[in-house]
Amino acid sequence: MFGEVNDLSEVLVEEYRGEIVENVHRGFICGISDSGEVVYSVGEPERVTFMRSTAKPIQAIPVFKLALDEKYGLTGREAAILCASHMAEPFHIEVLESIMNKTGIPEDLLICSAEPRRIYHNCAGKHLGILMLCKELGYKMEDYWSIDHPVQQLIREHIAIISGYPEEDIQIGVDGCGVPVFAMPLIFIANAYLRLACPDLIRDAQIRSAVEKITRLMNAYPEMIAGTNRVCSLLLQDDNIVAKGGAMGVYCFGLKKERLGFVLKVEDGSSDEWGIIIAAILEQIGYDNKDTIQRLREAFPDEIKNDNGRIVGTRKVKFRLG
């Protein structure tokens, strides 16, 4: 069970201040091929963890199955932010306001906290997408966040389909933004991103078409999925990659040409190490787009700087993919 397998994690990154190890970040990495095999691993691939916001592209599938982006005349940037963990940059807020204007969904229906406005919350795009579903299907909008709501049941069904994990076995919690969050073994989360990257593996034609559109949008508008110099937006500039991070150290990406799905989980919940961990994964598997790796290295260098810009330490990747 979750929380009982700490001894099966491995050291991913050590952080040094001067010559002293200040922090040690343990965790898990799982990479799955289109044959269903775990081909790369660090730690236990059966570790159960919450998907957190890595689930957002999947949670958006019903919206695109019903072509609600087209019904409301959403632009590509507007449609992309339905899958995002945005950073509330001005261009994000402009797009979210436009979605509300086009759909007629008022901001005060969003359950996510006001900071200072509800659409400033990084999950606002996901919430607007769910409310669009409620409106289209004639469901109550006030309790859209409840796991018992029909829209949340529909979302859980699609989580099961894309991950390949039995719906009845998915464990449910409450996410930071107030809607349900889904937990399953890492191998199935990796499988979900394999299918996002390789939608030909999805049998249902409507779901497959929706996934193809979602991933095209993520690659076409990477700045909408996270923000300036964020890991997701840097990776999504590479059309071969589908990527999305979540809270508490979980990150997923799929490689289209290589037909691989990856998930990593930093056990202490930190996201600061994502950039160098993902760069190391790509290097260790011999990924051929060196520009992508270089973007990560430049944005997330090994050196640790203090507030004055002085180098005071370093981060060292300690894992080797098994």
C-alpha atoms as a PDB file:
ATOM      1  CA  MET A   1       0.000   0.000   0.000  1.00  0.00           C
ATOM      2  CA  PHE A   2       0.963   3.611  -0.523  1.00  0.00           C
ATOM      3  CA  GLY A   3       3.254   4.863   2.229  1.00  0.00           C
ATOM      4  CA  GLU A   4       4.550   1.385   3.150  1.00  0.00           C
ATOM      5  CA  VAL A   5       7.269   0.904   0.520  1.00  0.00           C
ATOM      6  CA  ASN A   6       9.813   3.642   1.258  1.00  0.00           C
ATOM      7  CA  ASP A   7      12.576   1.056   1.421  1.00  0.00           C
ATOM      8  CA  LEU A   8      11.963   0.241  -2.257  1.00  0.00           C
ATOM      9  CA  SER A   9      12.739   3.756  -3.478  1.00  0.00           C
ATOM     10  CA  GLU A  10      16.206   4.714  -4.699  1.00  0.00           C
ATOM     11  CA  VAL A  11      18.270   7.877  -4.583  1.00  0.00           C
ATOM     12  CA  LEU A  12      17.539  10.016  -7.642  1.00  0.00           C
ATOM     13  CA  VAL A  13      19.384  13.252  -6.823  1.00  0.00           C
ATOM     14  CA  GLU A  14      21.790  14.491  -4.146  1.00  0.00           C
ATOM     15  CA  GLU A  15      22.122  18.205  -3.489  1.00  0.00           C
ATOM     16  CA  TYR A  16      25.415  19.561  -2.197  1.00  0.00           C
ATOM     17  CA  ARG A  17      26.038  22.897  -0.525  1.00  0.00           C
ATOM     18  CA  GLY A  18      29.781  23.223  -0.786  1.00  0.00           C
ATOM     19  CA  GLU A  19      31.115  19.727  -0.130  1.00  0.00           C
ATOM     20  CA  ILE A  20      28.300  18.657   2.196  1.00  0.00           C
ATOM     21  CA  VAL A  21      25.229  16.707   1.122  1.00  0.00           C
ATOM     22  CA  GLU A  22      22.331  18.931   2.184  1.00  0.00           C
ATOM     23  CA  ASN A  23      19.385  17.088   0.612  1.00  0.00           C
ATOM     24  CA  VAL A  24      18.797  13.600  -0.733  1.00  0.00           C
ATOM     25  CA  HIS A  25      15.826  13.055  -3.046  1.00  0.00           C
ATOM     26  CA  ARG A  26      14.696   9.461  -3.326  1.00  0.00           C
ATOM     27  CA  GLY A  27      12.047   8.190  -5.668  1.00  0.00           C
ATOM     28  CA  PHE A  28      10.885   5.970  -8.479  1.00  0.00           C
ATOM     29  CA  ILE A  29      11.067   5.895 -12.281  1.00  0.00           C
ATOM     30  CA  CYS A  30       9.122   3.558 -14.536  1.00  0.00           C
ATOM     31  CA  GLY A  31       9.349   3.338 -18.322  1.00  0.00           C
ATOM     32  CA  ILE A  32       7.042   1.050 -20.303  1.00  0.00           C
ATOM     33  CA  SER A  33       7.195  -0.027 -23.963  1.00  0.00           C
ATOM     34  CA  ASP A  34       4.312  -0.648 -26.342  1.00  0.00           C
ATOM     35  CA  SER A  35       4.669  -4.375 -25.653  1.00  0.00           C
ATOM     36  CA  GLY A  36       3.521  -3.692 -22.099  1.00  0.00           C
ATOM     37  CA  GLU A  37       6.916  -4.451 -20.575  1.00  0.00           C
ATOM     38  CA  VAL A  38       8.708  -2.353 -17.992  1.00  0.00           C
ATOM     39  CA  VAL A  39      11.892  -1.618 -19.911  1.00  0.00           C
ATOM     40  CA  TYR A  40      13.353   1.031 -17.611  1.00  0.00           C
ATOM     41  CA  SER A  41      12.981   1.269 -13.862  1.00  0.00           C
ATOM     42  CA  VAL A  42      14.394   2.771 -10.705  1.00  0.00           C
ATOM     43  CA  GLY A  43      12.732   1.540  -7.533  1.00  0.00           C
ATOM     44  CA  GLU A  44       9.493  -0.429  -7.451  1.00  0.00           C
ATOM     45  CA  PRO A  45       7.256   0.018 -10.549  1.00  0.00           C
ATOM     46  CA  GLU A  46       4.254  -1.278  -8.603  1.00  0.00           C
ATOM     47  CA  ARG A  47       4.421   1.661  -6.183  1.00  0.00           C
ATOM     48  CA  VAL A  48       0.962   3.244  -5.902  1.00  0.00           C
ATOM     49  CA  THR A  49       0.847   7.016  -6.227  1.00  0.00           C
ATOM     50  CA  PHE A  50      -1.614   9.760  -7.080  1.00  0.00           C
ATOM     51  CA  MET A  51      -1.562  11.026 -10.642  1.00  0.00           C
ATOM     52  CA  ARG A  52      -2.304  14.582  -9.508  1.00  0.00           C
ATOM     53  CA  SER A  53      -2.214  16.984 -12.482  1.00  0.00           C
ATOM     54  CA  THR A  54      -0.575  14.466 -14.796  1.00  0.00           C
ATOM     55  CA  ALA A  55      -4.176  13.267 -15.248  1.00  0.00           C
ATOM     56  CA  LYS A  56      -5.329  16.554 -16.807  1.00  0.00           C
ATOM     57  CA  PRO A  57      -4.974  15.573 -20.487  1.00  0.00           C
ATOM     58  CA  ILE A  58      -7.021  12.459 -19.706  1.00  0.00           C
ATOM     59  CA  GLN A  59      -9.608  14.379 -17.690  1.00  0.00           C
ATOM     60  CA  ALA A  60     -10.106  16.576 -20.757  1.00  0.00           C
ATOM     61  CA  ILE A  61     -10.875  13.681 -23.116  1.00  0.00           C
ATOM     62  CA  PRO A  62     -14.686  13.792 -22.668  1.00  0.00           C
ATOM     63  CA  VAL A  63     -14.664  17.502 -23.554  1.00  0.00           C
ATOM     64  CA  PHE A  64     -12.960  16.794 -26.870  1.00  0.00           C
ATOM     65  CA  LYS A  65     -14.993  13.644 -27.563  1.00  0.00           C
ATOM     66  CA  LEU A  66     -18.053  15.882 -27.561  1.00  0.00           C
ATOM     67  CA  ALA A  67     -16.229  18.544 -29.613  1.00  0.00           C
ATOM     68  CA  LEU A  68     -17.114  21.211 -27.061  1.00  0.00           C
ATOM     69  CA  ASP A  69     -14.070  23.216 -28.110  1.00  0.00           C
ATOM     70  CA  GLU A  70     -15.645  23.516 -31.544  1.00  0.00           C
ATOM     71  CA  LYS A  71     -19.160  24.138 -30.213  1.00  0.00           C
ATOM     72  CA  TYR A  72     -17.949  27.170 -28.249  1.00  0.00           C
ATOM     73  CA  GLY A  73     -15.511  28.342 -30.897  1.00  0.00           C
ATOM     74  CA  LEU A  74     -12.431  27.977 -28.700  1.00  0.00           C
ATOM     75  CA  THR A  75      -9.125  28.911 -30.253  1.00  0.00           C
ATOM     76  CA  GLY A  76      -6.222  26.465 -30.085  1.00  0.00           C
ATOM     77  CA  ARG A  77      -4.730  28.329 -27.132  1.00  0.00           C
ATOM     78  CA  GLU A  78      -8.074  28.268 -25.325  1.00  0.00           C
ATOM     79  CA  ALA A  79      -8.562  24.562 -25.944  1.00  0.00           C
ATOM     80  CA  ALA A  80      -5.012  23.745 -24.816  1.00  0.00           C
ATOM     81  CA  ILE A  81      -5.402  25.395 -21.418  1.00  0.00           C
ATOM     82  CA  LEU A  82      -8.130  22.885 -20.521  1.00  0.00           C
ATOM     83  CA  CYS A  83      -5.211  20.439 -20.018  1.00  0.00           C
ATOM     84  CA  ALA A  84      -2.925  22.873 -18.203  1.00  0.00           C
ATOM     85  CA  SER A  85      -1.371  23.718 -14.879  1.00  0.00           C
ATOM     86  CA  HIS A  86      -0.969  27.350 -15.834  1.00  0.00           C
ATOM     87  CA  MET A  87       1.188  29.895 -14.017  1.00  0.00           C
ATOM     88  CA  ALA A  88      -1.322  32.760 -14.193  1.00  0.00           C
ATOM     89  CA  GLU A  89       0.802  34.742 -16.611  1.00  0.00           C
ATOM     90  CA  PRO A  90      -1.161  37.529 -18.345  1.00  0.00           C
ATOM     91  CA  PHE A  91      -1.685  35.480 -21.497  1.00  0.00           C
ATOM     92  CA  HIS A  92      -3.138  32.624 -19.418  1.00  0.00           C
ATOM     93  CA  ILE A  93      -5.645  34.898 -17.694  1.00  0.00           C
ATOM     94  CA  GLU A  94      -6.650  36.478 -21.001  1.00  0.00           C
ATOM     95  CA  VAL A  95      -7.423  33.051 -22.448  1.00  0.00           C
ATOM     96  CA  LEU A  96      -9.387  31.872 -19.396  1.00  0.00           C
ATOM     97  CA  GLU A  97     -11.486  35.035 -19.427  1.00  0.00           C
ATOM     98  CA  SER A  98     -12.234  34.438 -23.093  1.00  0.00           C
ATOM     99  CA  ILE A  99     -13.379  30.862 -22.356  1.00  0.00           C
ATOM    100  CA  MET A 100     -15.760  32.112 -19.668  1.00  0.00           C
ATOM    101  CA  ASN A 101     -17.168  34.708 -22.061  1.00  0.00           C
ATOM    102  CA  LYS A 102     -17.706  32.144 -24.805  1.00  0.00           C
ATOM    103  CA  THR A 103     -19.237  29.458 -22.593  1.00  0.00           C
ATOM    104  CA  GLY A 104     -21.193  31.672 -20.212  1.00  0.00           C
ATOM    105  CA  ILE A 105     -19.680  29.880 -17.199  1.00  0.00           C
ATOM    106  CA  PRO A 106     -19.262  32.320 -14.294  1.00  0.00           C
ATOM    107  CA  GLU A 107     -16.031  32.355 -12.359  1.00  0.00           C
ATOM    108  CA  ASP A 108     -17.728  31.873  -9.000  1.00  0.00           C
ATOM    109  CA  LEU A 109     -18.799  28.341  -9.985  1.00  0.00           C
ATOM    110  CA  LEU A 110     -15.175  27.201  -9.841  1.00  0.00           C
ATOM    111  CA  ILE A 111     -14.449  25.427  -6.565  1.00  0.00           C
ATOM    112  CA  CYS A 112     -10.717  26.180  -6.691  1.00  0.00           C
ATOM    113  CA  SER A 113      -9.654  28.879  -4.265  1.00  0.00           C
ATOM    114  CA  ALA A 114      -9.497  32.556  -5.145  1.00  0.00           C
ATOM    115  CA  GLU A 115      -5.873  33.710  -5.355  1.00  0.00           C
ATOM    116  CA  PRO A 116      -6.906  36.552  -5.749  1.00  0.00           C
ATOM    117  CA  ARG A 117      -9.266  35.261  -8.460  1.00  0.00           C
ATOM    118  CA  ARG A 118     -10.394  31.684  -9.021  1.00  0.00           C
ATOM    119  CA  ILE A 119      -8.983  31.636 -12.546  1.00  0.00           C
ATOM    120  CA  TYR A 120      -5.547  32.432 -11.125  1.00  0.00           C
ATOM    121  CA  HIS A 121      -5.535  28.904  -9.713  1.00  0.00           C
ATOM    122  CA  ASN A 122      -3.326  26.671 -11.861  1.00  0.00           C
ATOM    123  CA  CYS A 123      -6.171  24.154 -12.304  1.00  0.00           C
ATOM    124  CA  ALA A 124      -8.742  26.669 -13.561  1.00  0.00           C
ATOM    125  CA  GLY A 125      -8.656  25.384 -17.144  1.00  0.00           C
ATOM    126  CA  LYS A 126      -9.454  21.848 -16.012  1.00  0.00           C
ATOM    127  CA  HIS A 127     -12.360  23.117 -13.901  1.00  0.00           C
ATOM    128  CA  LEU A 128     -13.797  25.106 -16.805  1.00  0.00           C
ATOM    129  CA  GLY A 129     -13.602  22.000 -18.979  1.00  0.00           C
ATOM    130  CA  ILE A 130     -15.493  19.942 -16.401  1.00  0.00           C
ATOM    131  CA  LEU A 131     -18.139  22.642 -16.089  1.00  0.00           C
ATOM    132  CA  MET A 132     -18.475  22.706 -19.877  1.00  0.00           C
ATOM    133  CA  LEU A 133     -19.239  18.977 -19.700  1.00  0.00           C
ATOM    134  CA  CYS A 134     -21.868  19.544 -17.011  1.00  0.00           C
ATOM    135  CA  LYS A 135     -23.536  22.211 -19.111  1.00  0.00           C
ATOM    136  CA  GLU A 136     -23.517  20.064 -22.255  1.00  0.00           C
ATOM    137  CA  LEU A 137     -24.824  16.919 -20.551  1.00  0.00           C
ATOM    138  CA  GLY A 138     -27.442  18.694 -18.450  1.00  0.00           C
ATOM    139  CA  TYR A 139     -25.872  17.877 -15.081  1.00  0.00           C
ATOM    140  CA  LYS A 140     -25.896  20.077 -11.998  1.00  0.00           C
ATOM    141  CA  MET A 141     -22.885  22.369 -11.950  1.00  0.00           C
ATOM    142  CA  GLU A 142     -22.785  23.268  -8.265  1.00  0.00           C
ATOM    143  CA  ASP A 143     -21.358  19.902  -7.089  1.00  0.00           C
ATOM    144  CA  TYR A 144     -19.256  19.046 -10.154  1.00  0.00           C
ATOM    145  CA  TRP A 145     -16.324  18.366  -7.825  1.00  0.00           C
ATOM    146  CA  SER A 146     -17.919  15.383  -6.029  1.00  0.00           C
ATOM    147  CA  ILE A 147     -16.703  11.895  -6.946  1.00  0.00           C
ATOM    148  CA  ASP A 148     -20.380  10.885  -6.996  1.00  0.00           C
ATOM    149  CA  HIS A 149     -21.158  13.445  -9.719  1.00  0.00           C
ATOM    150  CA  PRO A 150     -21.846  11.826 -13.125  1.00  0.00           C
ATOM    151  CA  VAL A 151     -19.136  13.906 -14.780  1.00  0.00           C
ATOM    152  CA  GLN A 152     -16.525  12.671 -12.299  1.00  0.00           C
ATOM    153  CA  GLN A 153     -17.677   9.106 -12.911  1.00  0.00           C
ATOM    154  CA  LEU A 154     -17.238   9.712 -16.635  1.00  0.00           C
ATOM    155  CA  ILE A 155     -13.725  11.041 -16.037  1.00  0.00           C
ATOM    156  CA  ARG A 156     -12.796   8.052 -13.875  1.00  0.00           C
ATOM    157  CA  GLU A 157     -14.004   5.752 -16.648  1.00  0.00           C
ATOM    158  CA  HIS A 158     -11.607   7.426 -19.077  1.00  0.00           C
ATOM    159  CA  ILE A 159      -8.745   7.282 -16.558  1.00  0.00           C
ATOM    160  CA  ALA A 160      -9.278   3.507 -16.457  1.00  0.00           C
ATOM    161  CA  ILE A 161      -9.458   3.175 -20.229  1.00  0.00           C
ATOM    162  CA  ILE A 162      -6.280   5.136 -20.930  1.00  0.00           C
ATOM    163  CA  SER A 163      -4.222   3.649 -18.101  1.00  0.00           C
ATOM    164  CA  GLY A 164      -5.457   0.092 -18.521  1.00  0.00           C
ATOM    165  CA  TYR A 165      -6.037  -0.104 -14.763  1.00  0.00           C
ATOM    166  CA  PRO A 166      -9.387  -1.563 -13.597  1.00  0.00           C
ATOM    167  CA  GLU A 167     -11.809   1.218 -12.746  1.00  0.00           C
ATOM    168  CA  GLU A 168     -12.908  -0.467  -9.529  1.00  0.00           C
ATOM    169  CA  ASP A 169      -9.294  -0.619  -8.309  1.00  0.00           C
ATOM    170  CA  ILE A 170      -8.515   3.079  -8.819  1.00  0.00           C
ATOM    171  CA  GLN A 171      -8.039   4.693  -5.432  1.00  0.00           C
ATOM    172  CA  ILE A 172      -9.623   8.118  -4.958  1.00  0.00           C
ATOM    173  CA  GLY A 173      -8.483  11.122  -2.971  1.00  0.00           C
ATOM    174  CA  VAL A 174      -9.202  14.840  -3.102  1.00  0.00           C
ATOM    175  CA  ASP A 175      -6.798  16.974  -5.112  1.00  0.00           C
ATOM    176  CA  GLY A 176      -5.473  20.330  -3.973  1.00  0.00           C
ATOM    177  CA  CYS A 177      -7.998  22.107  -6.189  1.00  0.00           C
ATOM    178  CA  GLY A 178     -10.954  20.204  -4.727  1.00  0.00           C
ATOM    179  CA  VAL A 179     -11.830  17.626  -7.408  1.00  0.00           C
ATOM    180  CA  PRO A 180     -11.136  13.872  -7.236  1.00  0.00           C
ATOM    181  CA  VAL A 181      -7.585  12.645  -7.736  1.00  0.00           C
ATOM    182  CA  PHE A 182      -6.712   9.131  -8.863  1.00  0.00           C
ATOM    183  CA  ALA A 183      -4.074   6.701  -7.561  1.00  0.00           C
ATOM    184  CA  MET A 184      -2.711   3.546  -9.149  1.00  0.00           C
ATOM    185  CA  PRO A 185       0.624   1.702  -9.574  1.00  0.00           C
ATOM    186  CA  LEU A 186       3.313   3.617 -11.451  1.00  0.00           C
ATOM    187  CA  ILE A 187       3.369   1.073 -14.273  1.00  0.00           C
ATOM    188  CA  PHE A 188      -0.213   1.967 -15.211  1.00  0.00           C
ATOM    189  CA  ILE A 189       0.457   5.708 -15.040  1.00  0.00           C
ATOM    190  CA  ALA A 190       3.367   5.135 -17.436  1.00  0.00           C
ATOM    191  CA  ASN A 191       1.005   3.111 -19.625  1.00  0.00           C
ATOM    192  CA  ALA A 192      -1.386   6.063 -19.768  1.00  0.00           C
ATOM    193  CA  TYR A 193       1.366   8.279 -21.180  1.00  0.00           C
ATOM    194  CA  LEU A 194       2.417   5.580 -23.606  1.00  0.00           C
ATOM    195  CA  ARG A 195      -1.125   5.681 -24.990  1.00  0.00           C
ATOM    196  CA  LEU A 196      -1.202   9.467 -25.086  1.00  0.00           C
ATOM    197  CA  ALA A 197       2.006   9.370 -27.145  1.00  0.00           C
ATOM    198  CA  CYS A 198       0.860   6.390 -29.241  1.00  0.00           C
ATOM    199  CA  PRO A 199      -2.911   6.733 -29.641  1.00  0.00           C
ATOM    200  CA  ASP A 200      -2.969   3.879 -32.157  1.00  0.00           C
ATOM    201  CA  LEU A 201      -2.926   1.672 -29.030  1.00  0.00           C
ATOM    202  CA  ILE A 202      -6.382   3.037 -28.061  1.00  0.00           C
ATOM    203  CA  ARG A 203      -9.173   0.854 -29.434  1.00  0.00           C
ATOM    204  CA  ASP A 204     -12.062   3.291 -29.104  1.00  0.00           C
ATOM    205  CA  ALA A 205     -12.057   5.510 -32.195  1.00  0.00           C
ATOM    206  CA  GLN A 206     -13.679   8.513 -30.485  1.00  0.00           C
ATOM    207  CA  ILE A 207     -11.237   8.444 -27.598  1.00  0.00           C
ATOM    208  CA  ARG A 208      -8.329   7.953 -29.985  1.00  0.00           C
ATOM    209  CA  SER A 209      -9.415  10.982 -32.033  1.00  0.00           C
ATOM    210  CA  ALA A 210      -9.789  13.099 -28.885  1.00  0.00           C
ATOM    211  CA  VAL A 211      -6.310  12.105 -27.661  1.00  0.00           C
ATOM    212  CA  GLU A 212      -4.785  12.953 -31.022  1.00  0.00           C
ATOM    213  CA  LYS A 213      -6.332  16.415 -30.869  1.00  0.00           C
ATOM    214  CA  ILE A 214      -5.310  16.994 -27.240  1.00  0.00           C
ATOM    215  CA  THR A 215      -1.688  16.076 -27.837  1.00  0.00           C
ATOM    216  CA  ARG A 216      -1.515  18.174 -31.009  1.00  0.00           C
ATOM    217  CA  LEU A 217      -2.749  21.151 -29.013  1.00  0.00           C
ATOM    218  CA  MET A 218      -0.253  20.529 -26.211  1.00  0.00           C
ATOM    219  CA  ASN A 219       2.607  20.525 -28.703  1.00  0.00           C
ATOM    220  CA  ALA A 220       1.256  23.465 -30.694  1.00  0.00           C
ATOM    221  CA  TYR A 221       0.750  25.696 -27.637  1.00  0.00           C
ATOM    222  CA  PRO A 222       3.299  24.532 -25.050  1.00  0.00           C
ATOM    223  CA  GLU A 223       3.291  27.870 -23.240  1.00  0.00           C
ATOM    224  CA  MET A 224      -0.373  27.319 -22.347  1.00  0.00           C
ATOM    225  CA  ILE A 225       0.277  24.003 -20.558  1.00  0.00           C
ATOM    226  CA  ALA A 226       2.544  25.492 -17.879  1.00  0.00           C
ATOM    227  CA  GLY A 227       4.363  28.741 -18.576  1.00  0.00           C
ATOM    228  CA  THR A 228       7.620  30.475 -19.334  1.00  0.00           C
ATOM    229  CA  ASN A 229      10.653  28.239 -18.736  1.00  0.00           C
ATOM    230  CA  ARG A 230       8.567  25.541 -17.056  1.00  0.00           C
ATOM    231  CA  VAL A 231       9.451  21.878 -17.593  1.00  0.00           C
ATOM    232  CA  CYS A 232       6.205  20.992 -19.390  1.00  0.00           C
ATOM    233  CA  SER A 233       6.401  23.905 -21.798  1.00  0.00           C
ATOM    234  CA  LEU A 234      10.065  23.215 -22.574  1.00  0.00           C
ATOM    235  CA  LEU A 235       9.447  19.527 -23.275  1.00  0.00           C
ATOM    236  CA  LEU A 236       6.314  20.127 -25.344  1.00  0.00           C
ATOM    237  CA  GLN A 237       8.281  22.270 -27.775  1.00  0.00           C
ATOM    238  CA  ASP A 238       9.496  18.877 -28.984  1.00  0.00           C
ATOM    239  CA  ASP A 239       6.669  17.446 -31.129  1.00  0.00           C
ATOM    240  CA  ASN A 240       7.837  13.931 -30.269  1.00  0.00           C
ATOM    241  CA  ILE A 241       6.989  14.378 -26.577  1.00  0.00           C
ATOM    242  CA  VAL A 242       3.723  14.453 -24.629  1.00  0.00           C
ATOM    243  CA  ALA A 243       4.423  15.645 -21.079  1.00  0.00           C
ATOM    244  CA  LYS A 244       2.635  16.838 -17.965  1.00  0.00           C
ATOM    245  CA  GLY A 245       3.645  17.299 -14.346  1.00  0.00           C
ATOM    246  CA  GLY A 246       1.658  17.114 -11.146  1.00  0.00           C
ATOM    247  CA  ALA A 247       1.937  18.139  -7.530  1.00  0.00           C
ATOM    248  CA  MET A 248       4.029  16.267  -4.985  1.00  0.00           C
ATOM    249  CA  GLY A 249       6.831  15.315  -7.331  1.00  0.00           C
ATOM    250  CA  VAL A 250       5.029  13.221  -9.965  1.00  0.00           C
ATOM    251  CA  TYR A 251       5.904  13.769 -13.637  1.00  0.00           C
ATOM    252  CA  CYS A 252       4.926  11.886 -16.806  1.00  0.00           C
ATOM    253  CA  PHE A 253       6.007  11.953 -20.418  1.00  0.00           C
ATOM    254  CA  GLY A 254       5.560   9.813 -23.497  1.00  0.00           C
ATOM    255  CA  LEU A 255       7.864   9.499 -26.505  1.00  0.00           C
ATOM    256  CA  LYS A 256       6.047   9.006 -29.804  1.00  0.00           C
ATOM    257  CA  LYS A 257       8.771   7.678 -32.090  1.00  0.00           C
ATOM    258  CA  GLU A 258      10.355   5.517 -29.405  1.00  0.00           C
ATOM    259  CA  ARG A 259       6.907   4.294 -28.249  1.00  0.00           C
ATOM    260  CA  LEU A 260       7.713   4.674 -24.559  1.00  0.00           C
ATOM    261  CA  GLY A 261       5.776   5.986 -21.570  1.00  0.00           C
ATOM    262  CA  PHE A 262       7.533   7.275 -18.449  1.00  0.00           C
ATOM    263  CA  VAL A 263       6.501   8.293 -14.953  1.00  0.00           C
ATOM    264  CA  LEU A 264       8.758   9.542 -12.186  1.00  0.00           C
ATOM    265  CA  LYS A 265       7.912  10.221  -8.578  1.00  0.00           C
ATOM    266  CA  VAL A 266      10.182  12.204  -6.266  1.00  0.00           C
ATOM    267  CA  GLU A 267       9.302  10.680  -2.923  1.00  0.00           C
ATOM    268  CA  ASP A 268       9.578  13.837  -0.840  1.00  0.00           C
ATOM    269  CA  GLY A 269       7.211  15.673  -3.198  1.00  0.00           C
ATOM    270  CA  SER A 270       9.767  18.097  -4.618  1.00  0.00           C
ATOM    271  CA  SER A 271       9.519  19.260  -8.230  1.00  0.00           C
ATOM    272  CA  ASP A 272      12.787  21.224  -8.279  1.00  0.00           C
ATOM    273  CA  GLU A 273      14.669  18.163  -9.543  1.00  0.00           C
ATOM    274  CA  TRP A 274      12.397  17.324 -12.466  1.00  0.00           C
ATOM    275  CA  GLY A 275      14.486  19.096 -15.084  1.00  0.00           C
ATOM    276  CA  ILE A 276      17.759  17.331 -14.356  1.00  0.00           C
ATOM    277  CA  ILE A 277      16.063  13.967 -13.771  1.00  0.00           C
ATOM    278  CA  ILE A 278      14.237  14.082 -17.112  1.00  0.00           C
ATOM    279  CA  ALA A 279      17.372  15.277 -18.913  1.00  0.00           C
ATOM    280  CA  ALA A 280      19.259  12.333 -17.390  1.00  0.00           C
ATOM    281  CA  ILE A 281      16.536   9.867 -18.428  1.00  0.00           C
ATOM    282  CA  LEU A 282      16.638  11.143 -22.008  1.00  0.00           C
ATOM    283  CA  GLU A 283      20.432  10.959 -22.068  1.00  0.00           C
ATOM    284  CA  GLN A 284      20.513   7.452 -20.618  1.00  0.00           C
ATOM    285  CA  ILE A 285      18.075   6.075 -23.210  1.00  0.00           C
ATOM    286  CA  GLY A 286      20.032   7.763 -26.027  1.00  0.00           C
ATOM    287  CA  TYR A 287      17.293  10.213 -27.005  1.00  0.00           C
ATOM    288  CA  ASP A 288      18.320  11.749 -30.307  1.00  0.00           C
ATOM    289  CA  ASN A 289      16.866  15.256 -30.001  1.00  0.00           C
ATOM    290  CA  LYS A 290      19.764  16.916 -28.202  1.00  0.00           C
ATOM    291  CA  ASP A 291      18.099  20.331 -28.444  1.00  0.00           C
ATOM    292  CA  THR A 292      15.396  19.170 -26.043  1.00  0.00           C
ATOM    293  CA  ILE A 293      17.964  17.972 -23.528  1.00  0.00           C
ATOM    294  CA  GLN A 294      19.906  21.207 -23.912  1.00  0.00           C
ATOM    295  CA  ARG A 295      16.783  23.296 -23.220  1.00  0.00           C
ATOM    296  CA  LEU A 296      16.308  21.428 -19.970  1.00  0.00           C
ATOM    297  CA  ARG A 297      19.980  21.743 -19.019  1.00  0.00           C
ATOM    298  CA  GLU A 298      19.959  25.485 -19.615  1.00  0.00           C
ATOM    299  CA  ALA A 299      16.761  26.095 -17.680  1.00  0.00           C
ATOM    300  CA  PHE A 300      17.628  23.680 -14.868  1.00  0.00           C
ATOM    301  CA  PRO A 301      21.414  23.577 -14.446  1.00  0.00           C
ATOM    302  CA  ASP A 302      23.230  21.335 -12.008  1.00  0.00           C
ATOM    303  CA  GLU A 303      24.641  24.356 -10.192  1.00  0.00           C
ATOM    304  CA  ILE A 304      22.813  25.764  -7.176  1.00  0.00           C
ATOM    305  CA  LYS A 305      22.937  29.536  -6.872  1.00  0.00           C
ATOM    306  CA  ASN A 306      22.133  31.717  -3.898  1.00  0.00           C
ATOM    307  CA  ASP A 307      20.041  34.904  -3.958  1.00  0.00           C
ATOM    308  CA  ASN A 308      23.039  36.874  -5.232  1.00  0.00           C
ATOM    309  CA  GLY A 309      23.573  34.589  -8.208  1.00  0.00           C
ATOM    310  CA  ARG A 310      26.681  33.005  -6.729  1.00  0.00           C
ATOM    311  CA  ILE A 311      27.220  29.254  -7.235  1.00  0.00           C
ATOM    312  CA  VAL A 312      27.103  27.683  -3.778  1.00  0.00           C
ATOM    313  CA  GLY A 313      26.411  24.043  -4.533  1.00  0.00           C
ATOM    314  CA  THR A 314      25.444  21.436  -7.067  1.00  0.00           C
ATOM    315  CA  ARG A 315      22.847  18.764  -7.831  1.00  0.00           C
ATOM    316  CA  LYS A 316      24.090  15.311  -8.773  1.00  0.00           C
ATOM    317  CA  VAL A 317      21.980  12.666 -10.516  1.00  0.00           C
ATOM    318  CA  LYS A 318      22.649   9.345  -8.795  1.00  0.00           C
ATOM    319  CA  PHE A 319      20.404   6.864 -10.593  1.00  0.00           C
ATOM    320  CA  ARG A 320      21.030   4.546 -13.499  1.00  0.00           C
ATOM    321  CA  LEU A 321      18.009   3.192 -15.351  1.00  0.00           C
ATOM    322  CA  GLY A 322      17.650  -0.524 -14.856  1.00  0.00           C
END
